[in-house]
Structures are given as structure tokens and as C-alpha cells.
Amino acid sequence: MTNSSHEEQHAVLTSETAGTDHEESLAQIASDSSCEKPLVIVAHASVGSGHRSAANAIAQALKLQQEELCSKKVDTVTGDIEADNLLREAEIEVIDILDFGRVVFDGNKTASLFTGATRPIYDLTWRYTLTGRILWSGGTIWSRIMYAPFTEYVRMRKPVAIICTHITAANAAVSARMLTGLRFPIIAVPTDYETEGLWPQLSCDIFCVANEFMAETLRPRKIPEERILITGIPTREDFRRELDRDKIRETYELPQDKNIVLALAGAYLPRPYVHFRAALDKTLPYLHLFDPTLHFVFVAGQDKEYARHLQTQCRELGLTNVTIFNYVEDMAALMAASDLVICKSGGLTVTECLCAKAPMILLGKAYGQEKANVNMLTGSGAALHVTTARELLDTLRHYAYNPEMGKAMLINGSYLRKPNAARDIAAVSMELAAHPKDETDPIFRKHFLKFYWGRKPAHVR
């Protein structure tokens, strides 16, 4: 079955009607799937771009390792013969769990509701509620209320593993496994530098986390040590490359004799970027002061209107040390060619900067998972954090006079840098999928919903 046909089936599965419509669609999938290859599902939720980017990075790693095995470029990618053999035959599919909801909603618009005046409420929910002693361990409730179409899709396709980069995907996978009685492993991959309490803590086969700090959060939640693996947050293969900075700057027509300051202002979620862009706009009249030493690069992403706004502003201000790009295909290269990056504190963005060896200024107030990211990076000395345009300008002045501070951030961030994360997650997923599961493992117990009482939190928030 081709990827395009899967997408068509997703559209059918996620129609607003249920019952016979789904049954007919699923019967067709069952017929088409009878001779299919073993399936590995990588599931995300389209809430921002980070979860999707992480899922695509893992899928890319699986496919690259598969190609390397099939072409005999390597003898093994897992060190496990059965896992390598399974990977050779596997079909890799990336899905958006929101497409399978009984009611399909826009994850980006929903995420935008937790901005502005409502962000402290989100912060309270994410950082405190269900993250201390009372924890969630999954259940069939997710399928019964919202994701029954996904459960039926799993029943028909019988995946050998489901890798999840979002809590909704993980909970839907746990629910599907309980209801179908299948024994595939569920691999949880949080994409920030902390884990919230709504992950199905005791129902995942393994948690692939960014660092030891996160592992210390999971241990009081009674997750066995053998189910915690420190891999880093997955990024695309591009971020494993060794790149020629001078050549990249020549390609993008950037000066070789100045420090490049890259501002990532692409607006995938418009509302959270309002304050970020407003702060950048306030700095524009002062950027000419840095002309002797700094050159600024603004990336507006797919927002052409914002790009035109920047171009107009820079032209009216007579700025000669600013370059403006729309969507950039090879962001890994542009990051690697930069000396400093101004960005928001999203998990994937900061991880890409770490892997590209680009020091960061994190701009804007941070809530929820972004607050955890800021605390981790600034606490380790791997980034600076500012909340206003005035602070940003002061920090840029300090950097212009003391560029060595960028090198210090790189050194401090080196222990967080794990560019092989996607490949490591792919390999452990295939190892788990390749071996029979213990039917008596409590991880397979069926329950409608389950909360439990954890030990004293390792990090009081």
C-alpha cells in the first residue's frame, strides 16, 4: 500500500461520521493489508511544528538505517540480528493522531488558545497539576471518548511498534493496545526538556528522554530504570553533518568578516509569535549601531506578509547589516553558519541550535514546557534568556564587545548536544519490536483509566 493510499484512508477514518462508514473503510484496509510488510508507526500531533519535526526525524532515521542495511553499507544498526532483519522488511508510516479523532480539530488553533492572558493557566496545568505526586498511567478512556478510529486502524494494520512524540499520540496508542490485545511496544519521546504528568507513565515500554535531569523526574514516578533511556531529542539527519561555514555564508551571500546573528521569526503558531516579533521590531532602529561587527539575518518562514514588513522597515531605516529570508530549506546549514541565534524556547528549535553548535538568546516570556526548556538551558549556561526588546539590545551590545561568550555557551551546551538521538531511538524501537513480550507484564493490563501516587518529586516546581 502506498503512502498516498494511507493518507486517503486517514481522511476516511477521520470523517465526522462513525459506525458503518468506518467499518467499510477498515474492512478495505484489512483486505489490502493482508500481505503487507511489518509496520512501524511514528505518531505525532500537529500542535506547533516540533512534535511533527521529531516524528519525521525518527522516520527518516529508520529509513536511512533500513537503506544502509539493505545496501550492505553497514553490517548492523542495532547490534541485534532479529531487530536488523525486522528493520529490513519494515514499512515506516508517520501519522498525525489528530486526524483520527471522532471530531477533527485544528491543533495549532487550539494551542493558540493558551497564549496571552490564558498562558499562566496553561503553565499551572503543565508544570504542577499531575506532575507531582498524582500521576496518570493511561487507560482505554482515550479511545472510548475520542480515538476509536485509531484503535480500529491499529487493529487492522497490526503495527510492530508505535513511536509517539506527543502525549495524545501516546495515550491513544496505549488505549489501542489495551483494547486490541496486541503486544506491540510503545516508545515515548518527549520533545522538551521535561516530561509532563499526562504521559501514560506506566504504560509505555520505554521513555527516550533528553538528559539525566528528565530521567530524575521519571524515577519518582515509579518508571523502572530499564524503561528510561537518555537519547536526546531527535533532529533531522542534516544536523549530524559537518558543514563548511565559509561556503555556506558564500551561498547565502552573507559577510565573512562579521558575526552572524540569526533571528528565527517564522510564525507557525501566529499568536505566540506576536510578542516575539514585536520585540524584534523594536530593536530594528538600533541595529545600525552594530554594523561594524554584527550582521543580522531574519527568517520569516512562510509568512510573506511579515517578510515584506521587515523589508520595508529595513529600507526605511537604511539598514545595510540585515538580510531577510522567507522559508529556508536548509536551516541546519544556516544555523551552523551563524554565531548567535535569537529564537523562542521550543524544544525542537533549541535542540537544533545545540546540534548545529549555535549559541542562543531565548526571547520572550516562557510558560509550560518552554519554561522548563529555558530553565534547563540557562541553568547549564548553554543559552541566555531575555523577555523584552531592551534586554535583547543590552545582551547584543554585551555580545558585540565580548563575542567569546558565544564560545562559552557552546562549551556549556556540549553535554546536552546529542545529534544521534533519532538514530538511537530508531534502533531501540526495532530492538523492542523484534522480541516477544511477556504476557504477564503489568504494562499490558487493561483499565478504563488509572491514576497513581508517585514518590517525592525529584525537582520541586
Protein backbone atom coordinates (compact mmCIF):
# COMPACT_ATOMS: atom_id res chain seq x y z
CA MET A 1 0.00 0.00 0.00
CA THR A 2 1.41 3.39 -0.92
CA ASN A 3 1.72 6.33 1.44
CA SER A 4 -0.82 8.26 -0.61
CA SER A 5 -3.39 5.50 -0.21
CA HIS A 6 -2.80 5.57 3.56
CA GLU A 7 -3.47 9.29 3.57
CA GLU A 8 -6.74 8.72 1.72
CA GLN A 9 -7.69 6.10 4.32
CA HIS A 10 -6.87 8.54 7.13
CA ALA A 11 -9.27 11.01 5.59
CA VAL A 12 -11.98 8.36 5.56
CA LEU A 13 -11.23 7.28 9.12
CA THR A 14 -11.43 10.83 10.39
CA SER A 15 -14.72 11.76 8.84
CA GLU A 16 -17.21 13.10 11.31
CA THR A 17 -19.47 10.09 10.89
CA ALA A 18 -18.79 6.79 12.68
CA GLY A 19 -20.17 3.25 12.62
CA THR A 20 -20.74 1.67 9.19
CA ASP A 21 -18.64 4.24 7.33
CA HIS A 22 -15.58 3.34 9.42
CA GLU A 23 -16.36 -0.39 9.29
CA GLU A 24 -16.40 -0.40 5.50
CA SER A 25 -13.15 1.58 5.34
CA LEU A 26 -11.44 -0.66 7.87
CA ALA A 27 -12.57 -3.80 6.09
CA GLN A 28 -10.92 -2.50 2.94
CA ILE A 29 -7.71 -1.74 4.87
CA ALA A 30 -7.74 -5.25 6.34
CA SER A 31 -8.05 -6.72 2.85
CA ASP A 32 -5.28 -4.54 1.43
CA SER A 33 -3.02 -5.16 4.43
CA SER A 34 -3.08 -8.96 4.44
CA CYS A 35 0.32 -9.26 2.73
CA GLU A 36 1.89 -6.04 3.96
CA LYS A 37 5.29 -5.59 5.48
CA PRO A 38 5.64 -5.18 9.24
CA LEU A 39 4.52 -1.66 10.08
CA VAL A 40 6.21 0.86 12.36
CA ILE A 41 4.00 3.87 13.16
CA VAL A 42 5.56 7.16 14.21
CA ALA A 43 2.73 9.24 15.69
CA HIS A 44 2.68 12.95 16.48
CA ALA A 45 0.08 15.67 16.99
CA SER A 46 0.02 18.79 14.83
CA VAL A 47 0.30 21.22 17.72
CA GLY A 48 3.04 23.54 16.52
CA SER A 49 5.78 22.06 14.37
CA GLY A 50 8.09 20.47 16.95
CA HIS A 51 6.26 17.19 17.54
CA ARG A 52 5.88 16.65 13.82
CA SER A 53 9.54 17.51 13.16
CA ALA A 54 10.64 14.99 15.79
CA ALA A 55 8.40 12.30 14.28
CA ASN A 56 9.75 12.98 10.79
CA ALA A 57 13.32 12.86 12.12
CA ILE A 58 12.74 9.42 13.65
CA ALA A 59 11.07 8.15 10.47
CA GLN A 60 13.96 9.50 8.42
CA ALA A 61 16.45 7.72 10.71
CA LEU A 62 14.55 4.43 10.36
CA LYS A 63 14.53 4.70 6.58
CA LEU A 64 18.20 5.64 6.37
CA GLN A 65 19.21 2.75 8.61
CA GLN A 66 16.99 0.47 6.54
CA GLU A 67 18.73 1.60 3.35
CA GLU A 68 22.14 1.12 4.92
CA LEU A 69 21.26 -2.44 5.91
CA CYS A 70 19.72 -3.33 2.55
CA SER A 71 22.63 -1.87 0.59
CA LYS A 72 25.07 -3.60 2.96
CA LYS A 73 26.80 -0.32 3.78
CA VAL A 74 26.73 -1.48 7.40
CA ASP A 75 26.55 -4.93 8.97
CA THR A 76 24.19 -3.86 11.76
CA VAL A 77 22.44 -0.77 13.10
CA THR A 78 21.08 -2.26 16.31
CA GLY A 79 23.60 -4.96 17.23
CA ASP A 80 20.64 -7.37 17.22
CA ILE A 81 20.22 -9.75 14.26
CA GLU A 82 16.46 -10.12 14.69
CA ALA A 83 15.96 -6.37 15.01
CA ASP A 84 18.05 -5.72 11.89
CA ASN A 85 16.07 -8.32 9.93
CA LEU A 86 12.78 -6.75 11.03
CA LEU A 87 14.00 -3.29 10.03
CA ARG A 88 14.98 -4.53 6.56
CA GLU A 89 11.37 -5.51 5.90
CA ALA A 90 9.58 -2.73 7.75
CA GLU A 91 7.22 -0.12 6.38
CA ILE A 92 7.52 3.26 8.13
CA GLU A 93 4.47 5.46 8.44
CA VAL A 94 4.18 8.91 10.04
CA ILE A 95 0.70 9.89 11.21
CA ASP A 96 -0.96 12.85 12.91
CA ILE A 97 -3.09 11.44 15.73
CA LEU A 98 -5.47 14.39 15.49
CA ASP A 99 -6.56 13.11 12.06
CA PHE A 100 -8.13 10.10 13.82
CA GLY A 101 -10.30 11.97 16.30
CA ARG A 102 -14.04 11.49 16.30
CA VAL A 103 -14.06 15.28 16.00
CA VAL A 104 -11.13 16.59 13.99
CA PHE A 105 -9.85 19.89 15.38
CA ASP A 106 -7.01 22.21 14.48
CA GLY A 107 -4.19 21.61 16.95
CA ASN A 108 -2.46 24.87 16.10
CA LYS A 109 -5.55 26.96 16.77
CA THR A 110 -6.13 25.08 19.99
CA ALA A 111 -2.55 25.70 21.09
CA SER A 112 -3.01 29.39 20.33
CA LEU A 113 -5.79 29.50 22.93
CA PHE A 114 -3.11 29.04 25.59
CA THR A 115 -1.46 32.37 24.85
CA GLY A 116 -1.80 35.86 26.22
CA ALA A 117 -3.93 36.06 29.37
CA THR A 118 -4.52 32.28 29.40
CA ARG A 119 -0.85 31.27 29.38
CA PRO A 120 -0.47 31.26 33.19
CA ILE A 121 -3.36 28.78 33.32
CA TYR A 122 -1.51 26.55 30.87
CA ASP A 123 1.67 26.98 32.91
CA LEU A 124 -0.15 25.88 36.07
CA THR A 125 -1.59 22.83 34.32
CA TRP A 126 1.65 21.79 32.65
CA ARG A 127 4.09 22.40 35.48
CA TYR A 128 2.13 21.50 38.59
CA THR A 129 -1.11 19.61 38.04
CA LEU A 130 -0.50 15.86 37.60
CA THR A 131 3.28 16.34 37.67
CA GLY A 132 3.96 15.99 41.39
CA ARG A 133 2.60 13.01 43.33
CA ILE A 134 -0.66 12.28 41.50
CA LEU A 135 0.22 10.81 38.10
CA TRP A 136 -1.56 9.42 35.06
CA SER A 137 -0.92 5.92 33.72
CA GLY A 138 -3.23 5.71 30.74
CA GLY A 139 -6.36 3.72 30.00
CA THR A 140 -8.97 2.89 27.39
CA ILE A 141 -10.85 6.13 28.06
CA TRP A 142 -8.94 7.91 25.26
CA SER A 143 -10.30 5.53 22.64
CA ARG A 144 -13.80 5.29 24.02
CA ILE A 145 -14.23 9.05 24.08
CA MET A 146 -12.17 10.33 21.16
CA TYR A 147 -9.82 7.98 19.29
CA ALA A 148 -11.80 4.82 18.50
CA PRO A 149 -10.97 5.21 14.76
CA PHE A 150 -7.28 4.97 15.60
CA THR A 151 -7.89 1.82 17.67
CA GLU A 152 -9.62 0.22 14.69
CA TYR A 153 -6.79 1.29 12.40
CA VAL A 154 -4.32 -0.38 14.77
CA ARG A 155 -6.48 -3.50 14.92
CA MET A 156 -6.41 -3.80 11.15
CA ARG A 157 -2.79 -2.83 10.48
CA LYS A 158 -1.22 -4.64 13.47
CA PRO A 159 1.89 -2.46 13.85
CA VAL A 160 5.05 -3.97 15.32
CA ALA A 161 5.81 -0.72 17.18
CA ILE A 162 4.34 2.74 17.75
CA ILE A 163 6.71 5.61 18.47
CA CYS A 164 5.00 8.69 19.96
CA THR A 165 6.29 12.26 20.07
CA HIS A 166 3.19 13.74 21.74
CA ILE A 167 1.17 12.78 24.81
CA THR A 168 -2.09 12.50 22.84
CA ALA A 169 -0.48 10.02 20.45
CA ALA A 170 0.99 8.04 23.34
CA ASN A 171 -2.32 7.82 25.18
CA ALA A 172 -4.19 6.82 22.02
CA ALA A 173 -1.57 4.11 21.39
CA VAL A 174 -1.89 2.78 24.94
CA SER A 175 -5.65 2.73 24.62
CA ALA A 176 -5.47 0.92 21.27
CA ARG A 177 -3.10 -1.72 22.67
CA MET A 178 -5.36 -2.40 25.64
CA LEU A 179 -8.48 -2.76 23.50
CA THR A 180 -6.97 -4.80 20.67
CA GLY A 181 -4.92 -7.14 22.85
CA LEU A 182 -1.90 -6.66 20.57
CA ARG A 183 1.56 -6.65 22.15
CA PHE A 184 3.48 -4.02 20.21
CA PRO A 185 5.88 -1.76 22.14
CA ILE A 186 5.06 1.91 22.71
CA ILE A 187 8.06 4.24 22.67
CA ALA A 188 7.52 7.64 24.33
CA VAL A 189 9.65 10.51 23.02
CA PRO A 190 9.05 13.82 24.87
CA THR A 191 10.25 16.71 22.72
CA ASP A 192 11.05 19.18 25.51
CA TYR A 193 13.48 19.21 28.41
CA GLU A 194 10.92 17.99 30.92
CA THR A 195 8.06 15.49 30.92
CA GLU A 196 4.55 16.43 31.94
CA GLY A 197 2.42 14.18 34.07
CA LEU A 198 -0.15 13.33 31.38
CA TRP A 199 2.18 10.95 29.57
CA PRO A 200 0.94 7.39 30.22
CA GLN A 201 3.75 6.83 32.71
CA LEU A 202 3.46 3.13 33.49
CA SER A 203 2.05 2.01 30.15
CA CYS A 204 4.96 2.86 27.84
CA ASP A 205 7.69 0.33 27.12
CA ILE A 206 10.40 2.95 27.19
CA PHE A 207 10.87 6.69 27.62
CA CYS A 208 13.54 8.23 25.39
CA VAL A 209 14.45 11.47 27.14
CA ALA A 210 16.85 14.34 26.59
CA ASN A 211 19.09 14.13 29.63
CA GLU A 212 19.63 12.89 33.18
CA PHE A 213 17.51 15.73 34.62
CA MET A 214 14.47 14.27 32.86
CA ALA A 215 15.35 10.76 33.98
CA GLU A 216 15.37 12.03 37.56
CA THR A 217 11.83 13.27 37.01
CA LEU A 218 10.67 9.86 35.80
CA ARG A 219 12.20 7.73 38.55
CA PRO A 220 9.92 9.03 41.35
CA ARG A 221 7.02 8.25 39.03
CA LYS A 222 7.87 4.56 39.54
CA ILE A 223 9.06 4.03 35.98
CA PRO A 224 11.60 1.15 36.07
CA GLU A 225 15.19 2.08 35.31
CA GLU A 226 15.33 -0.26 32.32
CA ARG A 227 12.50 1.72 30.73
CA ILE A 228 14.36 5.03 30.79
CA LEU A 229 16.87 5.74 28.04
CA ILE A 230 18.78 9.01 27.64
CA THR A 231 18.93 9.59 23.89
CA GLY A 232 18.46 13.32 23.41
CA ILE A 233 15.64 14.93 21.43
CA PRO A 234 15.51 13.71 17.79
CA THR A 235 16.54 16.04 14.97
CA ARG A 236 16.87 15.51 11.23
CA GLU A 237 19.92 13.90 9.66
CA ASP A 238 21.00 17.36 8.44
CA PHE A 239 22.06 18.22 11.97
CA ARG A 240 24.62 15.39 12.03
CA ARG A 241 26.58 16.85 9.10
CA GLU A 242 29.95 18.57 9.30
CA LEU A 243 29.50 21.81 7.37
CA ASP A 244 31.79 24.43 5.85
CA ARG A 245 30.75 27.75 7.43
CA ASP A 246 32.59 29.90 4.88
CA LYS A 247 30.99 28.08 1.96
CA ILE A 248 27.52 28.39 3.47
CA ARG A 249 27.95 32.11 4.00
CA GLU A 250 29.08 32.47 0.41
CA THR A 251 26.00 30.56 -0.76
CA TYR A 252 23.66 32.82 1.22
CA GLU A 253 25.68 35.95 0.36
CA LEU A 254 26.50 36.71 3.97
CA PRO A 255 29.63 38.56 5.09
CA GLN A 256 32.63 36.51 6.14
CA ASP A 257 34.14 39.23 8.36
CA LYS A 258 31.20 39.76 10.75
CA ASN A 259 29.45 37.67 13.38
CA ILE A 260 26.11 36.44 12.04
CA VAL A 261 23.10 36.84 14.34
CA LEU A 262 20.19 34.72 13.13
CA ALA A 263 16.64 35.60 14.25
CA LEU A 264 14.11 32.79 13.79
CA ALA A 265 10.82 34.63 13.35
CA GLY A 266 8.85 32.12 11.28
CA ALA A 267 5.27 32.09 12.57
CA TYR A 268 3.96 28.54 12.59
CA LEU A 269 1.73 29.41 15.54
CA PRO A 270 0.86 33.08 14.94
CA ARG A 271 -0.33 34.18 18.37
CA PRO A 272 2.69 33.09 20.45
CA TYR A 273 4.89 34.92 17.95
CA VAL A 274 3.16 38.28 18.34
CA HIS A 275 5.27 39.34 21.32
CA PHE A 276 8.42 37.79 19.86
CA ARG A 277 8.07 39.74 16.63
CA ALA A 278 7.08 42.92 18.46
CA ALA A 279 10.32 42.75 20.45
CA LEU A 280 12.33 42.22 17.26
CA ASP A 281 10.59 45.18 15.60
CA LYS A 282 11.56 47.44 18.49
CA THR A 283 15.23 46.54 18.02
CA LEU A 284 15.31 47.39 14.29
CA PRO A 285 16.03 51.14 14.70
CA TYR A 286 19.14 50.31 16.73
CA LEU A 287 20.68 47.55 14.61
CA HIS A 288 22.82 50.02 12.63
CA LEU A 289 24.84 50.57 15.81
CA PHE A 290 26.19 47.02 15.43
CA ASP A 291 27.20 47.43 11.77
CA PRO A 292 30.97 47.18 12.34
CA THR A 293 30.75 43.74 14.00
CA LEU A 294 27.32 42.10 13.61
CA HIS A 295 25.20 41.15 10.60
CA PHE A 296 21.57 40.18 11.28
CA VAL A 297 19.61 37.53 9.37
CA PHE A 298 15.81 37.41 9.85
CA VAL A 299 13.97 34.27 8.74
CA ALA A 300 10.26 34.97 8.27
CA GLY A 301 9.34 31.42 7.25
CA GLN A 302 6.26 31.09 5.08
CA ASP A 303 4.78 34.37 6.30
CA LYS A 304 5.37 36.53 3.23
CA GLU A 305 3.47 39.47 4.71
CA TYR A 306 5.84 39.60 7.66
CA ALA A 307 8.84 39.34 5.33
CA ARG A 308 7.54 42.34 3.35
CA HIS A 309 7.06 44.23 6.61
CA LEU A 310 10.68 43.60 7.60
CA GLN A 311 11.96 44.59 4.17
CA THR A 312 10.02 47.85 4.27
CA GLN A 313 11.24 48.67 7.76
CA CYS A 314 14.87 47.94 6.93
CA ARG A 315 14.67 50.01 3.74
CA GLU A 316 13.15 52.99 5.55
CA LEU A 317 15.75 52.75 8.33
CA GLY A 318 18.59 52.43 5.82
CA LEU A 319 19.91 49.23 7.41
CA THR A 320 22.77 47.64 5.49
CA ASN A 321 23.64 44.94 8.03
CA VAL A 322 20.36 43.00 7.76
CA THR A 323 19.39 40.13 5.42
CA ILE A 324 15.81 38.84 5.24
CA PHE A 325 14.84 35.35 4.11
CA ASN A 326 11.47 33.72 3.65
CA TYR A 327 11.33 29.95 4.07
CA VAL A 328 14.81 28.39 4.24
CA GLU A 329 15.09 24.79 3.09
CA ASP A 330 18.45 24.00 4.69
CA MET A 331 18.03 25.51 8.13
CA ALA A 332 20.74 23.27 9.57
CA ALA A 333 23.29 24.92 7.30
CA LEU A 334 22.12 28.46 8.10
CA MET A 335 22.25 27.74 11.83
CA ALA A 336 25.73 26.24 11.50
CA ALA A 337 26.92 29.37 9.67
CA SER A 338 25.61 31.64 12.45
CA ASP A 339 27.45 32.81 15.54
CA LEU A 340 24.33 33.52 17.58
CA VAL A 341 20.64 32.64 17.24
CA ILE A 342 17.69 34.63 18.61
CA CYS A 343 14.75 32.24 18.98
CA LYS A 344 11.81 31.11 21.06
CA SER A 345 12.35 28.34 23.58
CA GLY A 346 10.57 25.50 21.78
CA GLY A 347 12.11 22.08 22.41
CA LEU A 348 12.95 21.24 18.78
CA THR A 349 14.25 24.70 17.94
CA VAL A 350 16.70 24.82 20.84
CA THR A 351 17.79 21.23 20.19
CA GLU A 352 18.52 22.04 16.57
CA CYS A 353 20.60 25.02 17.70
CA LEU A 354 22.52 22.79 20.09
CA CYS A 355 23.21 20.24 17.36
CA ALA A 356 24.20 22.99 14.90
CA LYS A 357 26.56 24.42 17.54
CA ALA A 358 24.79 27.78 17.52
CA PRO A 359 24.65 29.74 20.83
CA MET A 360 21.20 31.08 21.70
CA ILE A 361 19.37 34.09 23.09
CA LEU A 362 15.91 32.88 24.09
CA LEU A 363 13.46 35.75 23.63
CA GLY A 364 10.10 36.14 25.34
CA LYS A 365 8.27 35.06 28.48
CA ALA A 366 8.14 31.28 28.81
CA TYR A 367 5.37 29.09 30.18
CA GLY A 368 4.76 25.36 30.46
CA GLN A 369 7.29 23.23 28.62
CA GLU A 370 9.05 26.33 27.29
CA LYS A 371 9.74 27.42 30.87
CA ALA A 372 11.34 24.03 31.50
CA ASN A 373 13.46 24.47 28.38
CA VAL A 374 14.59 27.94 29.47
CA ASN A 375 15.49 26.70 32.95
CA MET A 376 17.48 23.80 31.57
CA LEU A 377 19.46 25.82 29.02
CA THR A 378 20.15 28.89 31.14
CA GLY A 379 20.88 26.80 34.22
CA SER A 380 23.56 24.90 32.30
CA GLY A 381 24.97 28.08 30.76
CA ALA A 382 24.06 26.94 27.26
CA ALA A 383 21.82 29.93 26.46
CA LEU A 384 20.77 33.41 27.59
CA HIS A 385 17.18 34.45 28.25
CA VAL A 386 15.64 37.89 27.75
CA THR A 387 12.00 38.95 27.86
CA THR A 388 11.96 42.47 26.37
CA ALA A 389 13.46 44.40 23.47
CA ARG A 390 15.51 46.50 25.90
CA GLU A 391 17.06 43.37 27.43
CA LEU A 392 17.73 41.98 23.97
CA LEU A 393 19.60 45.11 22.89
CA ASP A 394 21.67 45.13 26.10
CA THR A 395 22.58 41.48 25.54
CA LEU A 396 23.53 42.13 21.91
CA ARG A 397 25.76 45.02 22.99
CA HIS A 398 27.46 42.76 25.51
CA TYR A 399 27.93 40.09 22.86
CA ALA A 400 29.30 42.58 20.31
CA TYR A 401 32.03 43.58 22.77
CA ASN A 402 32.56 40.06 24.13
CA PRO A 403 31.99 37.51 21.33
CA GLU A 404 33.84 34.89 23.38
CA MET A 405 30.65 34.47 25.41
CA GLY A 406 29.27 32.53 22.43
CA LYS A 407 32.09 30.01 22.72
CA ALA A 408 31.40 29.65 26.43
CA MET A 409 27.76 28.78 25.70
CA LEU A 410 28.87 26.16 23.17
CA ILE A 411 31.14 24.52 25.73
CA ASN A 412 28.43 24.54 28.38
CA GLY A 413 25.88 23.12 25.96
CA SER A 414 28.11 20.33 24.68
CA TYR A 415 26.82 17.79 27.20
CA LEU A 416 23.24 18.46 26.04
CA ARG A 417 24.17 18.00 22.37
CA LYS A 418 23.08 14.60 21.07
CA PRO A 419 22.86 14.70 17.25
CA ASN A 420 22.45 10.90 17.01
CA ALA A 421 19.19 10.91 19.00
CA ALA A 422 16.89 9.99 16.10
CA ARG A 423 19.06 7.04 15.09
CA ASP A 424 19.35 5.82 18.69
CA ILE A 425 15.57 6.00 19.15
CA ALA A 426 15.03 4.17 15.85
CA ALA A 427 17.43 1.40 16.85
CA VAL A 428 15.95 0.80 20.32
CA SER A 429 12.44 0.79 18.83
CA MET A 430 13.36 -2.02 16.45
CA GLU A 431 15.03 -3.99 19.25
CA LEU A 432 11.84 -3.78 21.32
CA ALA A 433 9.69 -4.73 18.34
CA ALA A 434 11.80 -7.75 17.40
CA HIS A 435 11.39 -9.78 20.57
CA PRO A 436 8.32 -11.48 22.12
CA LYS A 437 6.66 -9.72 25.02
CA ASP A 438 5.95 -11.14 28.46
CA GLU A 439 2.17 -11.56 28.52
CA THR A 440 2.15 -11.19 32.33
CA ASP A 441 3.87 -7.79 32.28
CA PRO A 442 1.66 -5.28 34.16
CA ILE A 443 2.20 -2.89 31.23
CA PHE A 444 -0.47 -4.85 29.32
CA ARG A 445 -3.17 -4.72 31.98
CA LYS A 446 -6.40 -3.24 30.77
CA HIS A 447 -8.09 -0.40 32.64
CA PHE A 448 -10.54 2.33 31.80
CA LEU A 449 -8.37 4.97 33.44
CA LYS A 450 -5.62 4.86 36.01
CA PHE A 451 -4.09 7.43 38.31
CA TYR A 452 -1.44 6.52 40.86
CA TRP A 453 0.51 8.08 43.71
CA GLY A 454 4.16 8.73 42.94
CA ARG A 455 7.13 9.25 45.23
CA LYS A 456 8.51 12.63 46.22
CA PRO A 457 9.26 14.61 43.04
CA ALA A 458 12.96 14.90 42.25
CA HIS A 459 12.52 18.50 41.17
CA VAL A 460 10.02 20.63 43.09
CA ARG A 461 8.38 23.14 40.72
